[in-house]
Amino acid sequence: MICRYNGGFMRKNILGSTGLEVTPVGFGVLTIGKTQLNSSLEDGSSVLRYALECGINFLDTAQYYDTYPYIKHALKGTNFDPVIVSKCLDPSYSQIKFAVEEARREMDRDVIDIFLLHEVRTSPDWENRTGAWEYLQEAKLKGIVKAIGVSTHHVDVAEKAAEIPELDVLFPLINFKGLGIRKKNGAGSKEEMASAIKKNADCNKGVFTMKVFGGGNLTGHYLQALDYVSSLPGVASMMIGFGYHHEVDKIVEYLEGSIDGNYIPDISKKKIHIDEGDCEGCGACIGKCPNKAIRFNKKGSAEVNHDICLTCGYCAPVCPVRAIIMF
């Protein structure tokens, strides 16, 4: 199916067996939120609404992101009806029930299209979320959630997802450098994750991906990064974080095939950041930094001294959990 945008057309893909139709690129709303750009409600909603006007119909958010207000504001007074996915980190029945009701209330949606267990890690993490998974299945039966699944950085979790009949969708991490991919308690590879994605698609699971640009670290390889993930068998859509209108314009150009083949985004104003929610305090980035710009903070997490950071990016590939991002 196609939808019109900017005088052209944007294809839509069927997401596995869900019946949901999604555009090849979705909007990762985390980027405009408090933990990254911290855009004002008006500015962030303006970018989001612009993406919808350009034809993008797939939005990714989460309870943890605190970005529901942007979505509600962007949709207010419009006829847009995007496919919205949200997620929850909490493991219990009652906690995820609260999260689903919160999402419905805060985004003014009777039904949440997709709800996921957020960032499921290797065993026993999934087993510890039995209560949450039980509730999501009930919510689907009641019709307040259309499809359920997991988001993950782990190959073994992605492989397991294909074997679960009740699971509709998988939201895995993958990029052409393999940044942030895990397998059990060690590193995983892009080849292994690509194989897991295909396995899920072959089982009629809907697959959409995260971290195409490796948390911003691969933005300088814009076309290569997009080409790699979009060409993987089984991928219905790629979630990308947009902070500005011109970034949406470039994706539109990419999708319609009109982008300059030599295009490289200007990343001169972007800075390296470390997500404390993901950082495990292993110190690998500290040892790799050539300018001694990374140190431990009082919480035991790594942090960047931007006064001396060279933005060389040498730290990102050694981070085992993809906690190093650039924006």
C-alpha atoms as a PDB file:
ATOM      1  CA  MET A   1       0.000   0.000   0.000  1.00  0.00           C
ATOM      2  CA  ILE A   2       1.160   3.587  -0.575  1.00  0.00           C
ATOM      3  CA  CYS A   3       0.389   6.961   0.946  1.00  0.00           C
ATOM      4  CA  ARG A   4       0.923  10.347  -0.640  1.00  0.00           C
ATOM      5  CA  TYR A   5       3.573  12.745   0.645  1.00  0.00           C
ATOM      6  CA  ASN A   6       5.280  15.812  -0.780  1.00  0.00           C
ATOM      7  CA  GLY A   7       3.906  15.067  -4.239  1.00  0.00           C
ATOM      8  CA  GLY A   8       5.273  11.517  -4.205  1.00  0.00           C
ATOM      9  CA  PHE A   9       4.344   8.218  -2.598  1.00  0.00           C
ATOM     10  CA  MET A  10       5.417   6.362   0.510  1.00  0.00           C
ATOM     11  CA  ARG A  11       5.048   2.617   0.563  1.00  0.00           C
ATOM     12  CA  LYS A  12       3.490   0.853   3.542  1.00  0.00           C
ATOM     13  CA  ASN A  13       4.441  -2.637   4.688  1.00  0.00           C
ATOM     14  CA  ILE A  14       2.286  -5.171   6.509  1.00  0.00           C
ATOM     15  CA  LEU A  15       3.767  -5.849   9.959  1.00  0.00           C
ATOM     16  CA  GLY A  16       3.826  -9.626  10.189  1.00  0.00           C
ATOM     17  CA  SER A  17       0.445 -11.138  11.035  1.00  0.00           C
ATOM     18  CA  THR A  18      -0.815  -8.046  12.891  1.00  0.00           C
ATOM     19  CA  GLY A  19      -2.596  -6.513   9.904  1.00  0.00           C
ATOM     20  CA  LEU A  20      -0.999  -3.180  10.796  1.00  0.00           C
ATOM     21  CA  GLU A  21       0.367  -1.190   7.851  1.00  0.00           C
ATOM     22  CA  VAL A  22       3.517   0.801   8.598  1.00  0.00           C
ATOM     23  CA  THR A  23       5.813   3.054   6.614  1.00  0.00           C
ATOM     24  CA  PRO A  24       9.397   1.886   5.938  1.00  0.00           C
ATOM     25  CA  VAL A  25      10.649   4.490   8.416  1.00  0.00           C
ATOM     26  CA  GLY A  26       9.107   5.281  11.802  1.00  0.00           C
ATOM     27  CA  PHE A  27       9.650   8.208  14.177  1.00  0.00           C
ATOM     28  CA  GLY A  28      11.568   7.384  17.371  1.00  0.00           C
ATOM     29  CA  VAL A  29      10.100   9.967  19.738  1.00  0.00           C
ATOM     30  CA  LEU A  30      12.831   9.487  22.379  1.00  0.00           C
ATOM     31  CA  THR A  31      15.071  11.977  20.557  1.00  0.00           C
ATOM     32  CA  ILE A  32      12.878  15.027  21.224  1.00  0.00           C
ATOM     33  CA  GLY A  33      12.355  14.064  24.866  1.00  0.00           C
ATOM     34  CA  LYS A  34      13.955  15.112  28.137  1.00  0.00           C
ATOM     35  CA  THR A  35      16.837  12.623  28.073  1.00  0.00           C
ATOM     36  CA  GLN A  36      18.124  13.868  24.710  1.00  0.00           C
ATOM     37  CA  LEU A  37      17.212  17.141  22.956  1.00  0.00           C
ATOM     38  CA  ASN A  38      14.682  18.140  25.618  1.00  0.00           C
ATOM     39  CA  SER A  39      12.655  19.982  22.973  1.00  0.00           C
ATOM     40  CA  SER A  40       9.834  22.235  24.105  1.00  0.00           C
ATOM     41  CA  LEU A  41       6.354  20.803  23.706  1.00  0.00           C
ATOM     42  CA  GLU A  42       5.711  23.095  20.750  1.00  0.00           C
ATOM     43  CA  ASP A  43       9.036  22.445  19.011  1.00  0.00           C
ATOM     44  CA  GLY A  44       9.018  18.696  19.509  1.00  0.00           C
ATOM     45  CA  SER A  45       5.381  18.344  18.499  1.00  0.00           C
ATOM     46  CA  SER A  46       6.030  20.477  15.419  1.00  0.00           C
ATOM     47  CA  VAL A  47       8.705  18.064  14.158  1.00  0.00           C
ATOM     48  CA  LEU A  48       6.483  15.094  14.921  1.00  0.00           C
ATOM     49  CA  ARG A  49       3.492  16.631  13.151  1.00  0.00           C
ATOM     50  CA  TYR A  50       5.676  17.494  10.162  1.00  0.00           C
ATOM     51  CA  ALA A  51       6.776  13.855   9.883  1.00  0.00           C
ATOM     52  CA  LEU A  52       3.128  12.789   9.916  1.00  0.00           C
ATOM     53  CA  GLU A  53       2.353  15.345   7.215  1.00  0.00           C
ATOM     54  CA  CYS A  54       5.178  13.884   5.126  1.00  0.00           C
ATOM     55  CA  GLY A  55       3.555  10.461   5.351  1.00  0.00           C
ATOM     56  CA  ILE A  56       5.367   8.715   8.213  1.00  0.00           C
ATOM     57  CA  ASN A  57       2.712   6.783  10.127  1.00  0.00           C
ATOM     58  CA  PHE A  58       4.697   4.772  12.702  1.00  0.00           C
ATOM     59  CA  LEU A  59       5.689   6.184  16.121  1.00  0.00           C
ATOM     60  CA  ASP A  60       7.836   4.606  18.837  1.00  0.00           C
ATOM     61  CA  THR A  61       7.639   5.745  22.446  1.00  0.00           C
ATOM     62  CA  ALA A  62       7.874   4.203  25.930  1.00  0.00           C
ATOM     63  CA  GLN A  63       6.798   4.843  29.493  1.00  0.00           C
ATOM     64  CA  TYR A  64      10.436   5.505  30.386  1.00  0.00           C
ATOM     65  CA  TYR A  65      10.851   8.163  27.670  1.00  0.00           C
ATOM     66  CA  ASP A  66       8.185  10.516  29.104  1.00  0.00           C
ATOM     67  CA  THR A  67       7.239  11.611  25.574  1.00  0.00           C
ATOM     68  CA  TYR A  68       3.490  10.971  25.492  1.00  0.00           C
ATOM     69  CA  PRO A  69       2.683  14.719  25.687  1.00  0.00           C
ATOM     70  CA  TYR A  70       4.469  15.349  22.371  1.00  0.00           C
ATOM     71  CA  ILE A  71       2.368  12.712  20.622  1.00  0.00           C
ATOM     72  CA  LYS A  72      -0.912  13.912  22.108  1.00  0.00           C
ATOM     73  CA  HIS A  73      -0.131  17.523  21.194  1.00  0.00           C
ATOM     74  CA  ALA A  74       0.991  16.633  17.658  1.00  0.00           C
ATOM     75  CA  LEU A  75      -2.210  14.703  16.972  1.00  0.00           C
ATOM     76  CA  LYS A  76      -4.581  17.248  18.522  1.00  0.00           C
ATOM     77  CA  GLY A  77      -6.980  18.683  15.971  1.00  0.00           C
ATOM     78  CA  THR A  78      -5.706  16.448  13.133  1.00  0.00           C
ATOM     79  CA  ASN A  79      -7.050  13.414  11.313  1.00  0.00           C
ATOM     80  CA  PHE A  80      -3.789  11.499  11.602  1.00  0.00           C
ATOM     81  CA  ASP A  81      -4.132   7.979  12.968  1.00  0.00           C
ATOM     82  CA  PRO A  82      -0.577   6.635  13.241  1.00  0.00           C
ATOM     83  CA  VAL A  83       0.448   3.208  14.425  1.00  0.00           C
ATOM     84  CA  ILE A  84       1.857   3.785  17.918  1.00  0.00           C
ATOM     85  CA  VAL A  85       4.126   1.426  19.830  1.00  0.00           C
ATOM     86  CA  SER A  86       4.936   1.843  23.507  1.00  0.00           C
ATOM     87  CA  LYS A  87       6.968  -0.205  25.960  1.00  0.00           C
ATOM     88  CA  CYS A  88       7.462  -0.833  29.684  1.00  0.00           C
ATOM     89  CA  LEU A  89      10.503  -1.965  31.653  1.00  0.00           C
ATOM     90  CA  ASP A  90       8.596  -3.164  34.723  1.00  0.00           C
ATOM     91  CA  PRO A  91       8.258  -6.929  35.218  1.00  0.00           C
ATOM     92  CA  SER A  92       5.001  -7.351  37.103  1.00  0.00           C
ATOM     93  CA  TYR A  93       1.379  -7.768  36.055  1.00  0.00           C
ATOM     94  CA  SER A  94       0.196  -4.723  38.004  1.00  0.00           C
ATOM     95  CA  GLN A  95       3.024  -2.442  36.874  1.00  0.00           C
ATOM     96  CA  ILE A  96       2.563  -3.071  33.165  1.00  0.00           C
ATOM     97  CA  LYS A  97      -1.208  -2.839  33.531  1.00  0.00           C
ATOM     98  CA  PHE A  98      -0.663   0.629  34.961  1.00  0.00           C
ATOM     99  CA  ALA A  99       1.723   1.418  32.077  1.00  0.00           C
ATOM    100  CA  VAL A 100      -0.805   0.421  29.423  1.00  0.00           C
ATOM    101  CA  GLU A 101      -3.562   2.468  31.057  1.00  0.00           C
ATOM    102  CA  GLU A 102      -1.173   5.398  31.431  1.00  0.00           C
ATOM    103  CA  ALA A 103      -0.322   5.251  27.715  1.00  0.00           C
ATOM    104  CA  ARG A 104      -4.001   5.175  26.768  1.00  0.00           C
ATOM    105  CA  ARG A 105      -4.785   8.106  29.029  1.00  0.00           C
ATOM    106  CA  GLU A 106      -1.749  10.295  28.306  1.00  0.00           C
ATOM    107  CA  MET A 107      -1.976   9.904  24.526  1.00  0.00           C
ATOM    108  CA  ASP A 108      -5.789   9.974  24.503  1.00  0.00           C
ATOM    109  CA  ARG A 109      -5.986   6.614  22.715  1.00  0.00           C
ATOM    110  CA  ASP A 110      -8.640   3.987  23.415  1.00  0.00           C
ATOM    111  CA  VAL A 111      -6.401   1.316  21.906  1.00  0.00           C
ATOM    112  CA  ILE A 112      -2.595   1.076  21.831  1.00  0.00           C
ATOM    113  CA  ASP A 113      -1.535  -0.514  18.568  1.00  0.00           C
ATOM    114  CA  ILE A 114       1.580  -2.259  19.894  1.00  0.00           C
ATOM    115  CA  PHE A 115       2.840  -2.703  23.447  1.00  0.00           C
ATOM    116  CA  LEU A 116       6.164  -4.349  24.254  1.00  0.00           C
ATOM    117  CA  LEU A 117       8.251  -5.648  27.101  1.00  0.00           C
ATOM    118  CA  HIS A 118      11.023  -3.039  26.957  1.00  0.00           C
ATOM    119  CA  GLU A 119      14.662  -4.014  26.438  1.00  0.00           C
ATOM    120  CA  VAL A 120      14.448  -7.679  27.353  1.00  0.00           C
ATOM    121  CA  ARG A 121      17.866  -9.074  28.205  1.00  0.00           C
ATOM    122  CA  THR A 122      19.234 -12.589  28.304  1.00  0.00           C
ATOM    123  CA  SER A 123      17.807 -15.225  30.670  1.00  0.00           C
ATOM    124  CA  PRO A 124      16.472 -14.954  33.351  1.00  0.00           C
ATOM    125  CA  ASP A 125      15.178 -11.464  32.471  1.00  0.00           C
ATOM    126  CA  TRP A 126      12.328 -12.734  30.308  1.00  0.00           C
ATOM    127  CA  GLU A 127      11.381 -15.365  32.885  1.00  0.00           C
ATOM    128  CA  ASN A 128      11.260 -12.625  35.521  1.00  0.00           C
ATOM    129  CA  ARG A 129       8.677 -10.745  33.430  1.00  0.00           C
ATOM    130  CA  THR A 130       6.110 -13.547  33.372  1.00  0.00           C
ATOM    131  CA  GLY A 131       3.535 -11.365  35.107  1.00  0.00           C
ATOM    132  CA  ALA A 132       3.960  -8.524  32.635  1.00  0.00           C
ATOM    133  CA  TRP A 133       3.720 -10.888  29.667  1.00  0.00           C
ATOM    134  CA  GLU A 134       0.572 -12.459  31.107  1.00  0.00           C
ATOM    135  CA  TYR A 135      -1.083  -9.047  31.327  1.00  0.00           C
ATOM    136  CA  LEU A 136      -0.134  -8.079  27.769  1.00  0.00           C
ATOM    137  CA  GLN A 137      -1.805 -11.242  26.492  1.00  0.00           C
ATOM    138  CA  GLU A 138      -4.952 -10.357  28.461  1.00  0.00           C
ATOM    139  CA  ALA A 139      -4.876  -6.770  27.179  1.00  0.00           C
ATOM    140  CA  LYS A 140      -4.728  -8.067  23.617  1.00  0.00           C
ATOM    141  CA  LEU A 141      -7.698 -10.379  24.212  1.00  0.00           C
ATOM    142  CA  LYS A 142      -9.657  -7.438  25.654  1.00  0.00           C
ATOM    143  CA  GLY A 143      -8.862  -5.357  22.572  1.00  0.00           C
ATOM    144  CA  ILE A 144      -7.073  -2.502  24.336  1.00  0.00           C
ATOM    145  CA  VAL A 145      -3.785  -3.557  22.703  1.00  0.00           C
ATOM    146  CA  LYS A 146      -3.659  -4.855  19.141  1.00  0.00           C
ATOM    147  CA  ALA A 147      -0.246  -6.553  19.117  1.00  0.00           C
ATOM    148  CA  ILE A 148       2.371  -7.532  21.697  1.00  0.00           C
ATOM    149  CA  GLY A 149       6.057  -8.401  21.706  1.00  0.00           C
ATOM    150  CA  VAL A 150       9.507  -7.434  22.919  1.00  0.00           C
ATOM    151  CA  SER A 151      12.273  -4.967  22.237  1.00  0.00           C
ATOM    152  CA  THR A 152      15.810  -6.236  22.713  1.00  0.00           C
ATOM    153  CA  HIS A 153      19.508  -5.755  22.045  1.00  0.00           C
ATOM    154  CA  HIS A 154      20.144  -9.496  22.499  1.00  0.00           C
ATOM    155  CA  VAL A 155      20.454 -12.092  19.732  1.00  0.00           C
ATOM    156  CA  ASP A 156      19.360 -14.946  22.005  1.00  0.00           C
ATOM    157  CA  VAL A 157      16.195 -13.066  23.007  1.00  0.00           C
ATOM    158  CA  ALA A 158      15.421 -12.320  19.351  1.00  0.00           C
ATOM    159  CA  GLU A 159      15.874 -15.995  18.484  1.00  0.00           C
ATOM    160  CA  LYS A 160      13.569 -17.050  21.301  1.00  0.00           C
ATOM    161  CA  ALA A 161      10.908 -14.553  20.194  1.00  0.00           C
ATOM    162  CA  ALA A 162      10.355 -16.496  16.978  1.00  0.00           C
ATOM    163  CA  GLU A 163       9.354 -19.558  18.987  1.00  0.00           C
ATOM    164  CA  ILE A 164       6.636 -17.889  21.094  1.00  0.00           C
ATOM    165  CA  PRO A 165       3.194 -18.270  19.471  1.00  0.00           C
ATOM    166  CA  GLU A 166       1.616 -15.391  21.401  1.00  0.00           C
ATOM    167  CA  LEU A 167       4.296 -12.921  20.328  1.00  0.00           C
ATOM    168  CA  ASP A 168       3.344 -10.727  17.363  1.00  0.00           C
ATOM    169  CA  VAL A 169       6.268  -8.341  16.908  1.00  0.00           C
ATOM    170  CA  LEU A 170      10.003  -8.028  17.526  1.00  0.00           C
ATOM    171  CA  PHE A 171      11.876  -4.730  17.898  1.00  0.00           C
ATOM    172  CA  PRO A 172      15.607  -5.589  17.747  1.00  0.00           C
ATOM    173  CA  LEU A 173      18.786  -3.516  17.597  1.00  0.00           C
ATOM    174  CA  ILE A 174      20.844  -3.804  14.431  1.00  0.00           C
ATOM    175  CA  ASN A 175      23.207  -1.644  12.381  1.00  0.00           C
ATOM    176  CA  PHE A 176      25.957  -2.194   9.830  1.00  0.00           C
ATOM    177  CA  LYS A 177      28.726  -1.985  12.454  1.00  0.00           C
ATOM    178  CA  GLY A 178      26.989  -4.252  14.944  1.00  0.00           C
ATOM    179  CA  LEU A 179      27.234  -1.582  17.660  1.00  0.00           C
ATOM    180  CA  GLY A 180      25.417  -2.595  20.841  1.00  0.00           C
ATOM    181  CA  ILE A 181      24.385  -6.101  19.794  1.00  0.00           C
ATOM    182  CA  ARG A 182      24.599  -8.600  22.648  1.00  0.00           C
ATOM    183  CA  LYS A 183      24.360 -12.371  22.971  1.00  0.00           C
ATOM    184  CA  LYS A 184      23.865 -13.818  26.434  1.00  0.00           C
ATOM    185  CA  ASN A 185      26.563 -12.153  28.554  1.00  0.00           C
ATOM    186  CA  GLY A 186      28.884 -11.225  25.705  1.00  0.00           C
ATOM    187  CA  ALA A 187      28.912  -9.535  22.334  1.00  0.00           C
ATOM    188  CA  GLY A 188      26.681 -10.579  19.474  1.00  0.00           C
ATOM    189  CA  SER A 189      27.171  -9.939  15.784  1.00  0.00           C
ATOM    190  CA  LYS A 190      25.118  -8.224  13.099  1.00  0.00           C
ATOM    191  CA  GLU A 191      25.083 -11.494  11.153  1.00  0.00           C
ATOM    192  CA  GLU A 192      23.537 -13.337  14.102  1.00  0.00           C
ATOM    193  CA  MET A 193      20.915 -10.633  14.633  1.00  0.00           C
ATOM    194  CA  ALA A 194      20.101 -10.529  10.914  1.00  0.00           C
ATOM    195  CA  SER A 195      19.560 -14.300  11.029  1.00  0.00           C
ATOM    196  CA  ALA A 196      17.263 -13.931  14.060  1.00  0.00           C
ATOM    197  CA  ILE A 197      15.285 -11.228  12.250  1.00  0.00           C
ATOM    198  CA  LYS A 198      14.761 -13.498   9.256  1.00  0.00           C
ATOM    199  CA  LYS A 199      13.767 -16.357  11.552  1.00  0.00           C
ATOM    200  CA  ASN A 200      11.054 -14.172  13.085  1.00  0.00           C
ATOM    201  CA  ALA A 201       9.821 -12.948   9.717  1.00  0.00           C
ATOM    202  CA  ASP A 202       9.654 -16.542   8.489  1.00  0.00           C
ATOM    203  CA  CYS A 203       7.421 -17.242  11.505  1.00  0.00           C
ATOM    204  CA  ASN A 204       5.201 -14.329  10.446  1.00  0.00           C
ATOM    205  CA  LYS A 205       6.335 -12.044  13.263  1.00  0.00           C
ATOM    206  CA  GLY A 206       6.420  -8.358  12.430  1.00  0.00           C
ATOM    207  CA  VAL A 207       9.926  -6.892  12.710  1.00  0.00           C
ATOM    208  CA  PHE A 208      10.936  -3.245  12.967  1.00  0.00           C
ATOM    209  CA  THR A 209      14.407  -2.173  14.024  1.00  0.00           C
ATOM    210  CA  MET A 210      16.194   0.320  16.264  1.00  0.00           C
ATOM    211  CA  LYS A 211      19.630   1.987  16.272  1.00  0.00           C
ATOM    212  CA  VAL A 212      20.150   2.110  12.515  1.00  0.00           C
ATOM    213  CA  PHE A 213      22.714   4.830  13.231  1.00  0.00           C
ATOM    214  CA  GLY A 214      24.083   3.138  16.346  1.00  0.00           C
ATOM    215  CA  GLY A 215      22.745   5.789  18.705  1.00  0.00           C
ATOM    216  CA  GLY A 216      23.956   8.553  16.392  1.00  0.00           C
ATOM    217  CA  ASN A 217      27.505   7.229  16.172  1.00  0.00           C
ATOM    218  CA  LEU A 218      27.041   6.122  12.545  1.00  0.00           C
ATOM    219  CA  THR A 219      25.207   9.212  11.302  1.00  0.00           C
ATOM    220  CA  GLY A 220      28.293  10.159   9.300  1.00  0.00           C
ATOM    221  CA  HIS A 221      27.686   6.967   7.279  1.00  0.00           C
ATOM    222  CA  TYR A 222      24.090   7.979   6.595  1.00  0.00           C
ATOM    223  CA  LEU A 223      23.367   6.191   3.335  1.00  0.00           C
ATOM    224  CA  GLN A 224      25.361   3.079   4.165  1.00  0.00           C
ATOM    225  CA  ALA A 225      23.564   2.739   7.493  1.00  0.00           C
ATOM    226  CA  LEU A 226      20.111   3.077   5.947  1.00  0.00           C
ATOM    227  CA  ASP A 227      20.885   0.844   2.980  1.00  0.00           C
ATOM    228  CA  TYR A 228      22.156  -1.951   5.201  1.00  0.00           C
ATOM    229  CA  VAL A 229      19.129  -2.225   7.479  1.00  0.00           C
ATOM    230  CA  SER A 230      16.492  -1.513   4.843  1.00  0.00           C
ATOM    231  CA  SER A 231      17.858  -4.335   2.693  1.00  0.00           C
ATOM    232  CA  LEU A 232      17.703  -6.990   5.429  1.00  0.00           C
ATOM    233  CA  PRO A 233      15.148  -9.748   4.772  1.00  0.00           C
ATOM    234  CA  GLY A 234      12.198  -9.468   7.137  1.00  0.00           C
ATOM    235  CA  VAL A 235      12.532  -5.817   8.175  1.00  0.00           C
ATOM    236  CA  ALA A 236       9.227  -3.968   7.757  1.00  0.00           C
ATOM    237  CA  SER A 237      10.342  -0.610   9.182  1.00  0.00           C
ATOM    238  CA  MET A 238      13.263   1.232  10.772  1.00  0.00           C
ATOM    239  CA  MET A 239      12.728   3.521  13.772  1.00  0.00           C
ATOM    240  CA  ILE A 240      14.798   6.689  13.487  1.00  0.00           C
ATOM    241  CA  GLY A 241      15.061   9.566  15.946  1.00  0.00           C
ATOM    242  CA  PHE A 242      14.280  12.953  14.415  1.00  0.00           C
ATOM    243  CA  GLY A 243      14.949  16.225  16.201  1.00  0.00           C
ATOM    244  CA  TYR A 244      14.522  18.729  13.391  1.00  0.00           C
ATOM    245  CA  HIS A 245      12.416  19.276  10.282  1.00  0.00           C
ATOM    246  CA  HIS A 246      15.379  19.018   7.907  1.00  0.00           C
ATOM    247  CA  GLU A 247      16.156  15.527   9.209  1.00  0.00           C
ATOM    248  CA  VAL A 248      12.663  14.444   8.194  1.00  0.00           C
ATOM    249  CA  ASP A 249      13.217  16.024   4.772  1.00  0.00           C
ATOM    250  CA  LYS A 250      16.342  13.938   4.237  1.00  0.00           C
ATOM    251  CA  ILE A 251      14.569  10.698   5.091  1.00  0.00           C
ATOM    252  CA  VAL A 252      11.808  11.612   2.659  1.00  0.00           C
ATOM    253  CA  GLU A 253      14.454  12.202  -0.015  1.00  0.00           C
ATOM    254  CA  TYR A 254      16.046   8.867   0.821  1.00  0.00           C
ATOM    255  CA  LEU A 255      12.752   7.009   0.556  1.00  0.00           C
ATOM    256  CA  GLU A 256      11.805   8.605  -2.745  1.00  0.00           C
ATOM    257  CA  GLY A 257      15.298   8.006  -4.171  1.00  0.00           C
ATOM    258  CA  SER A 258      16.105  11.677  -4.742  1.00  0.00           C
ATOM    259  CA  ILE A 259      18.812  12.112  -2.095  1.00  0.00           C
ATOM    260  CA  ASP A 260      22.310  13.134  -3.188  1.00  0.00           C
ATOM    261  CA  GLY A 261      24.426   9.983  -3.359  1.00  0.00           C
ATOM    262  CA  ASN A 262      27.246  11.815  -1.572  1.00  0.00           C
ATOM    263  CA  TYR A 263      25.088  13.202   1.247  1.00  0.00           C
ATOM    264  CA  ILE A 264      26.739  13.310   4.677  1.00  0.00           C
ATOM    265  CA  PRO A 265      24.899  15.031   7.556  1.00  0.00           C
ATOM    266  CA  ASP A 266      26.582  17.865   9.443  1.00  0.00           C
ATOM    267  CA  ILE A 267      27.417  16.338  12.837  1.00  0.00           C
ATOM    268  CA  SER A 268      29.845  19.075  13.916  1.00  0.00           C
ATOM    269  CA  LYS A 269      27.490  20.318  16.650  1.00  0.00           C
ATOM    270  CA  LYS A 270      26.637  16.897  18.056  1.00  0.00           C
ATOM    271  CA  LYS A 271      28.191  15.670  21.293  1.00  0.00           C
ATOM    272  CA  ILE A 272      28.935  12.293  22.833  1.00  0.00           C
ATOM    273  CA  HIS A 273      26.656  11.355  25.732  1.00  0.00           C
ATOM    274  CA  ILE A 274      26.383   8.297  27.966  1.00  0.00           C
ATOM    275  CA  ASP A 275      22.969   6.952  28.916  1.00  0.00           C
ATOM    276  CA  GLU A 276      23.141   6.168  32.623  1.00  0.00           C
ATOM    277  CA  GLY A 277      20.133   3.896  32.263  1.00  0.00           C
ATOM    278  CA  ASP A 278      22.172   1.558  30.063  1.00  0.00           C
ATOM    279  CA  CYS A 279      25.724   2.080  31.363  1.00  0.00           C
ATOM    280  CA  GLU A 280      27.024  -0.844  33.413  1.00  0.00           C
ATOM    281  CA  GLY A 281      30.146   0.943  34.643  1.00  0.00           C
ATOM    282  CA  CYS A 282      32.567  -1.461  32.979  1.00  0.00           C
ATOM    283  CA  GLY A 283      35.071   1.300  32.130  1.00  0.00           C
ATOM    284  CA  ALA A 284      35.799   0.086  28.588  1.00  0.00           C
ATOM    285  CA  CYS A 285      35.105   3.539  27.148  1.00  0.00           C
ATOM    286  CA  ILE A 286      37.378   5.185  29.696  1.00  0.00           C
ATOM    287  CA  GLY A 287      40.287   3.014  28.631  1.00  0.00           C
ATOM    288  CA  LYS A 288      39.631   3.692  24.964  1.00  0.00           C
ATOM    289  CA  CYS A 289      39.296   7.491  25.105  1.00  0.00           C
ATOM    290  CA  PRO A 290      42.504   9.050  23.688  1.00  0.00           C
ATOM    291  CA  ASN A 291      41.917  12.397  25.413  1.00  0.00           C
ATOM    292  CA  LYS A 292      40.916  11.149  28.883  1.00  0.00           C
ATOM    293  CA  ALA A 293      37.539  12.842  28.464  1.00  0.00           C
ATOM    294  CA  ILE A 294      35.488  10.057  30.079  1.00  0.00           C
ATOM    295  CA  ARG A 295      35.422   9.371  33.793  1.00  0.00           C
ATOM    296  CA  PHE A 296      33.270   7.669  36.409  1.00  0.00           C
ATOM    297  CA  ASN A 297      30.696   9.819  38.173  1.00  0.00           C
ATOM    298  CA  LYS A 298      29.555   9.416  41.772  1.00  0.00           C
ATOM    299  CA  LYS A 299      26.946   6.862  40.701  1.00  0.00           C
ATOM    300  CA  GLY A 300      29.582   4.623  39.149  1.00  0.00           C
ATOM    301  CA  SER A 301      28.495   5.363  35.583  1.00  0.00           C
ATOM    302  CA  ALA A 302      30.734   6.784  32.898  1.00  0.00           C
ATOM    303  CA  GLU A 303      30.281  10.447  31.961  1.00  0.00           C
ATOM    304  CA  VAL A 304      31.824  12.714  29.331  1.00  0.00           C
ATOM    305  CA  ASN A 305      33.740  15.913  29.937  1.00  0.00           C
ATOM    306  CA  HIS A 306      32.614  17.867  26.876  1.00  0.00           C
ATOM    307  CA  ASP A 307      35.277  20.519  27.423  1.00  0.00           C
ATOM    308  CA  ILE A 308      37.969  18.114  26.283  1.00  0.00           C
ATOM    309  CA  CYS A 309      35.997  15.498  24.295  1.00  0.00           C
ATOM    310  CA  LEU A 310      37.248  15.262  20.694  1.00  0.00           C
ATOM    311  CA  THR A 311      34.008  13.613  19.476  1.00  0.00           C
ATOM    312  CA  CYS A 312      36.227  11.050  17.762  1.00  0.00           C
ATOM    313  CA  GLY A 313      33.783   8.218  18.518  1.00  0.00           C
ATOM    314  CA  TYR A 314      36.500   5.720  19.484  1.00  0.00           C
ATOM    315  CA  CYS A 315      34.554   4.944  22.668  1.00  0.00           C
ATOM    316  CA  ALA A 316      31.320   3.812  21.016  1.00  0.00           C
ATOM    317  CA  PRO A 317      32.456   0.486  19.483  1.00  0.00           C
ATOM    318  CA  VAL A 318      33.861  -0.797  22.788  1.00  0.00           C
ATOM    319  CA  CYS A 319      30.686  -0.163  24.795  1.00  0.00           C
ATOM    320  CA  PRO A 320      29.085  -3.584  25.318  1.00  0.00           C
ATOM    321  CA  VAL A 321      25.570  -2.235  25.963  1.00  0.00           C
ATOM    322  CA  ARG A 322      25.233   0.629  23.458  1.00  0.00           C
ATOM    323  CA  ALA A 323      25.096   3.256  26.216  1.00  0.00           C
ATOM    324  CA  ILE A 324      27.154   5.768  24.205  1.00  0.00           C
ATOM    325  CA  ILE A 325      25.024   7.978  21.988  1.00  0.00           C
ATOM    326  CA  MET A 326      25.565  11.115  19.946  1.00  0.00           C
ATOM    327  CA  PHE A 327      23.122  13.988  19.600  1.00  0.00           C
END
